[in-house]
Amino acid sequence: MLCKILLVVLFLALLAAASAFAGTRYRPGKKHNSGTEHNSETENSSETQNTSNAKSASGTGRSFRLTARKLTFCAIAIALGTVLSNVKLYSFPFGGSVTLLSMLFICLPGCWFGAGTGIITGVAYGILQLLIDPYVIHPAQLLVDYLLAFGAFGLSGLFTDRKNGLVKGYIAGVTGRWIFTTISGWIFFAEYAWEGWNPLPYSMVYNGIYIFAESVVTLLILAIPQVKEAFSRVRKLALE
């Protein structure tokens, strides 16, 4: 029950913020007629320069500004990721589980809008996971497991606008999460290492099994033409 309440509150808060941004962004401006070609050329030059600056700042042709559309799609991604994280296809006896595409949906904002927006979305998702099901033994472990590990999903933005960018970005985001969870397991959960295993290889294998098992399932689903086409259409809608 608490999970559902927190999810609804976060989702509504983000949608409210998106509506506020939409109201300010799309407010009609004053129209005027200059009647001169010089003014038209100046405006076009200014617009071209602004577009160029936005592309230079993002590195991928994506502005870092959190617009109404971005906030809305990020809110939907967080909501779907949270719901699907509870849909477990398989739970391993030693811990960890394979969920239904939950990591993919948290990687999507980075793939669509760039690494900056993706990292913010991942951190927001991590905070929500912390509120829903906290497991904290040290402040540094909280930072690594909930902020850095989930924020690493934003690395998917490194492959924005690349060929097969969704697949490459997903692999990058998932690998980033695995690295941080491995560090956390090595430092904070060494006592749980399997008999005869050193903490570092134990953490690498333990976290790698459930993270990359889900990754394989996700990549197989993304290989289905109809699924690939569906995500492509959603991407176009997000970037309109």
Protein backbone atom coordinates (compact mmCIF):
# COMPACT_ATOMS: atom_id res chain seq x y z
CA MET A 1 0.00 0.00 0.00
CA LEU A 2 2.80 2.43 0.91
CA CYS A 3 4.49 1.67 -2.42
CA LYS A 4 1.36 2.59 -4.37
CA ILE A 5 0.78 5.77 -2.38
CA LEU A 6 4.35 7.00 -2.88
CA LEU A 7 4.21 6.15 -6.56
CA VAL A 8 1.00 8.10 -7.09
CA VAL A 9 2.32 11.10 -5.13
CA LEU A 10 5.56 11.24 -7.12
CA PHE A 11 3.79 10.77 -10.43
CA LEU A 12 1.24 13.50 -9.72
CA ALA A 13 3.96 15.86 -8.48
CA LEU A 14 5.98 15.45 -11.66
CA LEU A 15 2.91 15.87 -13.84
CA ALA A 16 1.97 19.02 -11.91
CA ALA A 17 5.45 20.40 -12.50
CA ALA A 18 5.15 19.49 -16.17
CA SER A 19 1.86 21.36 -16.42
CA ALA A 20 3.40 24.43 -14.77
CA PHE A 21 6.29 24.40 -17.21
CA ALA A 22 3.88 23.96 -20.11
CA GLY A 23 1.87 26.97 -19.03
CA THR A 24 4.92 29.25 -18.96
CA ARG A 25 6.63 27.84 -22.02
CA TYR A 26 3.70 28.00 -24.41
CA ARG A 27 2.31 31.36 -23.31
CA PRO A 28 1.53 33.33 -26.48
CA GLY A 29 3.90 36.19 -27.17
CA LYS A 30 3.26 39.55 -28.73
CA LYS A 31 3.22 39.71 -32.51
CA HIS A 32 4.75 42.59 -34.42
CA ASN A 33 5.54 43.43 -38.01
CA SER A 34 8.87 45.06 -38.69
CA GLY A 35 8.38 45.34 -42.43
CA THR A 36 12.11 45.04 -43.03
CA GLU A 37 14.18 42.22 -44.43
CA HIS A 38 17.02 43.14 -42.10
CA ASN A 39 15.04 42.29 -38.96
CA SER A 40 13.98 38.95 -40.43
CA GLU A 41 17.56 38.05 -41.21
CA THR A 42 18.66 39.08 -37.72
CA GLU A 43 16.01 36.89 -36.10
CA ASN A 44 16.96 33.92 -38.28
CA SER A 45 20.62 34.41 -37.43
CA SER A 46 19.83 34.60 -33.72
CA GLU A 47 17.70 31.45 -33.90
CA THR A 48 20.46 29.58 -35.74
CA GLN A 49 23.01 30.68 -33.16
CA ASN A 50 20.79 29.58 -30.26
CA THR A 51 20.27 26.18 -31.86
CA SER A 52 24.00 25.82 -32.38
CA ASN A 53 24.70 26.75 -28.77
CA ALA A 54 22.14 24.22 -27.53
CA LYS A 55 23.76 21.47 -29.57
CA SER A 56 27.21 22.41 -28.38
CA ALA A 57 26.09 22.37 -24.76
CA SER A 58 24.49 18.95 -24.97
CA GLY A 59 27.03 17.31 -27.21
CA THR A 60 24.30 15.26 -28.82
CA GLY A 61 21.90 17.84 -30.17
CA ARG A 62 19.77 17.59 -26.99
CA SER A 63 19.22 20.59 -24.71
CA PHE A 64 19.68 19.88 -21.00
CA ARG A 65 16.71 22.10 -20.14
CA LEU A 66 13.91 20.18 -18.41
CA THR A 67 10.90 21.06 -20.52
CA ALA A 68 7.30 20.06 -19.90
CA ARG A 69 7.52 17.22 -22.40
CA LYS A 70 10.70 15.87 -20.82
CA LEU A 71 9.25 15.99 -17.32
CA THR A 72 6.12 14.19 -18.46
CA PHE A 73 7.97 11.38 -20.19
CA CYS A 74 10.44 11.06 -17.29
CA ALA A 75 7.53 10.79 -14.85
CA ILE A 76 5.95 8.06 -16.96
CA ALA A 77 9.28 6.20 -17.19
CA ILE A 78 9.73 6.33 -13.40
CA ALA A 79 6.16 5.17 -12.83
CA LEU A 80 6.45 2.24 -15.25
CA GLY A 81 9.90 1.30 -13.95
CA THR A 82 8.62 1.25 -10.38
CA VAL A 83 5.57 -0.86 -11.22
CA LEU A 84 7.57 -3.31 -13.34
CA SER A 85 10.25 -3.67 -10.66
CA ASN A 86 7.60 -5.56 -8.70
CA VAL A 87 6.84 -7.87 -11.63
CA LYS A 88 9.48 -10.54 -11.03
CA LEU A 89 9.96 -13.14 -13.73
CA TYR A 90 12.40 -15.12 -11.60
CA SER A 91 13.95 -14.79 -8.14
CA PHE A 92 17.32 -16.38 -7.47
CA PRO A 93 17.65 -18.46 -4.28
CA PHE A 94 20.75 -16.49 -3.18
CA GLY A 95 19.11 -13.11 -3.78
CA GLY A 96 18.33 -10.82 -6.68
CA SER A 97 15.60 -11.19 -9.28
CA VAL A 98 14.81 -10.72 -12.95
CA THR A 99 12.07 -8.13 -13.45
CA LEU A 100 10.01 -7.30 -16.52
CA LEU A 101 11.93 -4.52 -18.31
CA SER A 102 12.13 -2.25 -15.24
CA MET A 103 15.74 -1.20 -15.94
CA LEU A 104 14.92 -0.49 -19.58
CA PHE A 105 12.28 2.10 -18.75
CA ILE A 106 14.65 3.99 -16.45
CA CYS A 107 17.24 4.03 -19.25
CA LEU A 108 14.79 5.50 -21.77
CA PRO A 109 14.98 9.18 -20.68
CA GLY A 110 18.75 9.13 -21.19
CA CYS A 111 18.36 7.52 -24.61
CA TRP A 112 15.81 10.13 -25.64
CA PHE A 113 17.00 13.34 -23.98
CA GLY A 114 20.69 12.85 -23.20
CA ALA A 115 22.84 11.83 -20.25
CA GLY A 116 22.00 14.82 -18.03
CA THR A 117 18.27 14.18 -18.03
CA GLY A 118 18.89 10.44 -17.79
CA ILE A 119 21.01 10.78 -14.64
CA ILE A 120 18.43 13.02 -12.98
CA THR A 121 15.71 10.48 -13.79
CA GLY A 122 17.82 7.61 -12.45
CA VAL A 123 18.55 9.44 -9.20
CA ALA A 124 14.85 10.27 -8.76
CA TYR A 125 14.02 6.60 -9.31
CA GLY A 126 16.67 5.62 -6.76
CA ILE A 127 15.19 7.97 -4.15
CA LEU A 128 11.77 6.45 -4.76
CA GLN A 129 13.20 2.94 -4.33
CA LEU A 130 14.83 4.11 -1.09
CA LEU A 131 11.48 5.34 0.22
CA ILE A 132 9.63 2.20 -0.84
CA ASP A 133 12.06 -0.53 0.27
CA PRO A 134 15.07 0.90 2.14
CA TYR A 135 18.04 -1.28 3.08
CA VAL A 136 20.69 1.00 4.55
CA ILE A 137 23.60 0.03 6.80
CA HIS A 138 25.82 3.06 6.17
CA PRO A 139 25.35 6.55 4.65
CA ALA A 140 28.00 5.84 2.00
CA GLN A 141 26.23 2.60 1.08
CA LEU A 142 23.00 4.56 0.64
CA LEU A 143 24.80 6.93 -1.73
CA VAL A 144 26.32 4.13 -3.81
CA ASP A 145 23.33 1.78 -3.93
CA TYR A 146 20.49 4.23 -4.39
CA LEU A 147 21.89 7.39 -5.99
CA LEU A 148 24.99 6.38 -7.94
CA ALA A 149 23.85 2.92 -9.03
CA PHE A 150 20.44 4.04 -10.28
CA GLY A 151 21.80 7.35 -11.54
CA ALA A 152 24.18 5.34 -13.72
CA PHE A 153 21.19 4.41 -15.88
CA GLY A 154 21.63 7.89 -17.31
CA LEU A 155 24.77 6.68 -19.09
CA SER A 156 22.34 5.48 -21.73
CA GLY A 157 22.44 9.07 -22.96
CA LEU A 158 25.99 8.60 -24.23
CA PHE A 159 24.55 6.87 -27.28
CA THR A 160 21.73 9.27 -28.11
CA ASP A 161 21.23 9.56 -31.89
CA ARG A 162 23.65 6.69 -32.54
CA LYS A 163 22.76 3.68 -34.65
CA ASN A 164 21.10 1.09 -32.37
CA GLY A 165 21.35 3.75 -29.67
CA LEU A 166 18.64 2.18 -27.51
CA VAL A 167 20.48 -1.15 -27.27
CA LYS A 168 23.89 0.45 -26.78
CA GLY A 169 22.55 2.94 -24.27
CA TYR A 170 20.75 0.24 -22.31
CA ILE A 171 23.91 -1.85 -22.08
CA ALA A 172 25.88 1.21 -20.92
CA GLY A 173 23.32 2.09 -18.25
CA VAL A 174 23.03 -1.46 -16.96
CA THR A 175 26.81 -1.86 -16.87
CA GLY A 176 27.09 1.36 -14.89
CA ARG A 177 24.62 0.07 -12.33
CA TRP A 178 26.50 -3.23 -12.08
CA ILE A 179 29.78 -1.41 -11.40
CA PHE A 180 28.34 0.58 -8.51
CA THR A 181 26.45 -2.35 -6.97
CA THR A 182 29.65 -4.38 -7.21
CA ILE A 183 31.54 -1.67 -5.33
CA SER A 184 28.83 -1.58 -2.68
CA GLY A 185 28.82 -5.36 -2.24
CA TRP A 186 32.62 -5.47 -2.06
CA ILE A 187 32.87 -2.78 0.63
CA PHE A 188 29.70 -3.08 2.69
CA PHE A 189 28.53 -6.69 2.27
CA ALA A 190 31.83 -8.61 2.26
CA GLU A 191 30.67 -10.75 5.17
CA TYR A 192 28.07 -12.37 2.92
CA ALA A 193 30.64 -13.66 0.43
CA TRP A 194 30.22 -17.31 -0.48
CA GLU A 195 32.57 -19.73 1.20
CA GLY A 196 35.95 -19.71 -0.49
CA TRP A 197 35.22 -16.48 -2.40
CA ASN A 198 36.95 -13.16 -1.96
CA PRO A 199 34.54 -10.23 -1.51
CA LEU A 200 35.28 -8.54 -4.86
CA PRO A 201 34.74 -11.51 -7.21
CA TYR A 202 31.79 -12.56 -5.08
CA SER A 203 30.17 -9.14 -5.50
CA MET A 204 30.92 -9.08 -9.23
CA VAL A 205 29.28 -12.47 -9.79
CA TYR A 206 26.41 -12.02 -7.34
CA ASN A 207 25.28 -8.71 -8.81
CA GLY A 208 26.16 -9.68 -12.36
CA ILE A 209 23.93 -12.76 -12.34
CA TYR A 210 20.61 -11.01 -11.75
CA ILE A 211 21.46 -7.73 -13.51
CA PHE A 212 22.76 -9.29 -16.72
CA ALA A 213 20.16 -12.07 -16.67
CA GLU A 214 17.49 -9.39 -16.90
CA SER A 215 19.57 -7.60 -19.53
CA VAL A 216 19.61 -10.69 -21.75
CA VAL A 217 15.83 -11.06 -21.46
CA THR A 218 15.36 -7.38 -22.27
CA LEU A 219 17.66 -7.47 -25.30
CA LEU A 220 15.82 -10.51 -26.64
CA ILE A 221 12.52 -8.66 -26.31
CA LEU A 222 13.98 -5.57 -28.00
CA ALA A 223 15.12 -7.78 -30.89
CA ILE A 224 11.47 -8.46 -31.78
CA PRO A 225 10.71 -6.18 -34.78
CA GLN A 226 7.30 -5.12 -33.50
CA VAL A 227 8.73 -4.15 -30.11
CA LYS A 228 11.60 -2.27 -31.71
CA GLU A 229 9.18 -0.35 -33.91
CA ALA A 230 6.96 0.48 -30.94
CA PHE A 231 9.85 1.99 -28.97
CA SER A 232 10.92 3.90 -32.06
CA ARG A 233 7.48 5.47 -32.37
CA VAL A 234 7.43 6.42 -28.68
CA ARG A 235 10.85 8.03 -29.11
CA LYS A 236 9.58 10.15 -32.00
CA LEU A 237 6.61 11.22 -29.88
CA ALA A 238 8.93 12.18 -27.01
CA LEU A 239 11.12 14.31 -29.26
CA GLU A 240 8.38 16.13 -31.16
